C-alpha atoms as a PDB file:
ATOM      1  CA  MET A   1      68.396  87.138 104.844  1.00  0.00           C
ATOM      2  CA  ASN A   2      70.204  84.451 106.523  1.00  0.00           C
ATOM      3  CA  VAL A   3      71.557  82.552 103.041  1.00  0.00           C
ATOM      4  CA  ARG A   4      74.989  81.321 103.014  1.00  0.00           C
ATOM      5  CA  CYS A   5      77.120  80.905  99.522  1.00  0.00           C
ATOM      6  CA  ASP A   6      80.956  80.462  98.973  1.00  0.00           C
ATOM      7  CA  LEU A   7      81.130  84.472  98.004  1.00  0.00           C
ATOM      8  CA  CYS A   8      79.304  85.207 101.305  1.00  0.00           C
ATOM      9  CA  GLU A   9      82.106  82.506 103.047  1.00  0.00           C
ATOM     10  CA  ALA A  10      84.954  85.014 101.722  1.00  0.00           C
ATOM     11  CA  ALA A  11      87.348  82.488 102.535  1.00  0.00           C
ATOM     12  CA  PRO A  12      90.858  83.721 101.599  1.00  0.00           C
ATOM     13  CA  LEU A  13      91.642  80.810  99.668  1.00  0.00           C
ATOM     14  CA  THR A  14      93.350  83.059  97.053  1.00  0.00           C
ATOM     15  CA  THR A  15      95.438  86.630  96.319  1.00  0.00           C
ATOM     16  CA  ARG A  16      93.413  88.756  98.121  1.00  0.00           C
ATOM     17  CA  TYR A  17      93.542  92.016  96.513  1.00  0.00           C
ATOM     18  CA  PHE A  18      91.116  94.439  98.461  1.00  0.00           C
ATOM     19  CA  ALA A  19      88.391  94.352 101.007  1.00  0.00           C
ATOM     20  CA  ASP A  20      86.087  96.906 102.696  1.00  0.00           C
ATOM     21  CA  ASP A  21      82.141  97.419 104.055  1.00  0.00           C
ATOM     22  CA  LEU A  22      80.886  96.734 100.545  1.00  0.00           C
ATOM     23  CA  CYS A  23      83.318  93.918  98.608  1.00  0.00           C
ATOM     24  CA  TRP A  24      86.368  92.126  98.455  1.00  0.00           C
ATOM     25  CA  ILE A  25      88.332  91.269  95.737  1.00  0.00           C
ATOM     26  CA  ALA A  26      90.414  88.322  95.026  1.00  0.00           C
ATOM     27  CA  ASP A  27      91.448  85.949  92.090  1.00  0.00           C
ATOM     28  CA  CYS A  28      88.621  83.393  91.057  1.00  0.00           C
ATOM     29  CA  GLU A  29      89.146  79.957  92.418  1.00  0.00           C
ATOM     30  CA  ILE A  30      88.334  78.842  89.016  1.00  0.00           C
ATOM     31  CA  CYS A  31      89.398  80.999  86.597  1.00  0.00           C
ATOM     32  CA  LEU A  32      92.147  82.663  88.685  1.00  0.00           C
ATOM     33  CA  VAL A  33      91.755  86.352  87.520  1.00  0.00           C
ATOM     34  CA  PRO A  34      90.582  89.232  90.155  1.00  0.00           C
ATOM     35  CA  MET A  35      87.129  89.016  91.200  1.00  0.00           C
ATOM     36  CA  VAL A  36      84.735  91.777  92.687  1.00  0.00           C
ATOM     37  CA  VAL A  37      82.287  90.294  95.266  1.00  0.00           C
ATOM     38  CA  TRP A  38      79.676  92.585  96.559  1.00  0.00           C
ATOM     39  CA  ARG A  39      78.938  91.804 100.548  1.00  0.00           C
ATOM     40  CA  GLN A  40      75.272  91.480  99.743  1.00  0.00           C
ATOM     41  CA  HIS A  41      73.715  87.787  98.919  1.00  0.00           C
ATOM     42  CA  VAL A  42      71.904  89.440  96.256  1.00  0.00           C
ATOM     43  CA  PRO A  43      72.208  89.188  92.625  1.00  0.00           C
ATOM     44  CA  THR A  44      71.262  92.509  91.148  1.00  0.00           C
ATOM     45  CA  PRO A  45      73.055  95.830  93.205  1.00  0.00           C
ATOM     46  CA  PRO A  46      71.438  99.353  92.383  1.00  0.00           C
ATOM     47  CA  ALA A  47      73.234 101.277  89.341  1.00  0.00           C
ATOM     48  CA  ASP A  48      75.260 103.244  92.298  1.00  0.00           C
ATOM     49  CA  VAL A  49      76.424 100.209  94.103  1.00  0.00           C
ATOM     50  CA  LYS A  50      77.653  98.004  91.171  1.00  0.00           C
ATOM     51  CA  ASP A  51      79.441 101.182  89.809  1.00  0.00           C
ATOM     52  CA  ALA A  52      81.591 101.496  92.799  1.00  0.00           C
ATOM     53  CA  LEU A  53      81.951  97.897  92.653  1.00  0.00           C
ATOM     54  CA  ARG A  54      83.262  97.692  89.326  1.00  0.00           C
ATOM     55  CA  GLU A  55      85.232 100.906  90.189  1.00  0.00           C
ATOM     56  CA  ARG A  56      87.265  99.028  92.597  1.00  0.00           C
ATOM     57  CA  LEU A  57      87.567  95.988  90.457  1.00  0.00           C
ATOM     58  CA  ALA A  58      88.631  98.435  87.615  1.00  0.00           C
ATOM     59  CA  ALA A  59      91.377  99.801  90.083  1.00  0.00           C
ATOM     60  CA  VAL A  60      93.036  96.275  90.957  1.00  0.00           C
ATOM     61  CA  ALA A  61      92.475  94.851  87.808  1.00  0.00           C
ATOM     62  CA  ASP A  62      94.788  97.555  85.920  1.00  0.00           C
ATOM     63  CA  ARG A  63      97.133  97.364  88.160  1.00  0.00           C
ATOM     64  CA  GLU A  64      97.563  93.386  87.994  1.00  0.00           C
ATOM     65  CA  LEU A  65      96.821  92.795  84.539  1.00  0.00           C
ATOM     66  CA  GLY A  66      97.626  96.238  82.760  1.00  0.00           C
ATOM     67  CA  ALA A  67      95.493  99.253  81.909  1.00  0.00           C
ATOM     68  CA  GLY A  68      93.640  98.454  79.061  1.00  0.00           C
ATOM     69  CA  ASN A  69      94.492  95.076  78.894  1.00  0.00           C
ATOM     70  CA  TRP A  70      91.000  93.427  80.865  1.00  0.00           C
ATOM     71  CA  THR A  71      87.497  93.746  80.377  1.00  0.00           C
ATOM     72  CA  ILE A  72      84.700  93.183  83.242  1.00  0.00           C
ATOM     73  CA  ASP A  73      82.409  90.139  82.478  1.00  0.00           C
ATOM     74  CA  ASP A  74      79.303  89.862  84.800  1.00  0.00           C
ATOM     75  CA  HIS A  75      78.072  87.123  83.774  1.00  0.00           C
ATOM     76  CA  MET A  76      77.392  84.583  86.819  1.00  0.00           C
ATOM     77  CA  ARG A  77      77.829  81.228  85.527  1.00  0.00           C
ATOM     78  CA  ASN A  78      78.295  78.921  88.614  1.00  0.00           C
ATOM     79  CA  ILE A  79      76.855  81.065  91.619  1.00  0.00           C
ATOM     80  CA  LYS A  80      73.518  82.547  90.536  1.00  0.00           C
ATOM     81  CA  ASP A  81      72.080  84.363  93.158  1.00  0.00           C
ATOM     82  CA  HIS A  82      75.020  86.837  94.902  1.00  0.00           C
ATOM     83  CA  TYR A  83      76.878  89.453  92.593  1.00  0.00           C
ATOM     84  CA  HIS A  84      80.413  89.573  91.379  1.00  0.00           C
ATOM     85  CA  ALA A  85      82.501  89.946  88.316  1.00  0.00           C
ATOM     86  CA  HIS A  86      85.775  88.730  86.842  1.00  0.00           C
ATOM     87  CA  ALA A  87      88.142  91.399  84.986  1.00  0.00           C
ATOM     88  CA  ARG A  88      88.953  89.251  82.602  1.00  0.00           C
ATOM     89  CA  ARG A  89      92.100  89.462  79.832  1.00  0.00           C
ATOM     90  CA  ARG A  90      91.201  90.853  76.736  1.00  0.00           C
ATOM     91  CA  PRO A  91      92.075  87.965  74.026  1.00  0.00           C
ATOM     92  CA  PHE A  92      95.703  88.834  71.957  1.00  0.00           C
ATOM     93  CA  GLY A  93      95.066  91.545  68.935  1.00  0.00           C
ATOM     94  CA  LEU A  94      92.264  93.248  71.085  1.00  0.00           C
ATOM     95  CA  LEU A  95      94.396  95.048  73.549  1.00  0.00           C
ATOM     96  CA  SER A  96      93.983  98.304  73.835  1.00  0.00           C
ATOM     97  CA  ALA A  97      96.143 100.930  71.993  1.00  0.00           C
ATOM     98  CA  GLY A  98      98.517 103.493  73.568  1.00  0.00           C
END
């Protein structure tokens, strides 16, 4: 597939936290929270790939936002044809205990 998009381009415009052959993780340009991007231009990864992407994002989110202080949001609002997910801060009052 020769489709190109902002996520495929992966230009390092914001803080880059991680990159490997499966994905890259950087701050989202719009909301400035860690975002994992699958390197395939496909909106729905297989379950095992999605799990691996979420694990990588979790490691970065725990370090950058604090363990338990975030949740994964993979509702793709702006680019609907390329899988990506954000680690969003939990609203105040919904932080995990302990």
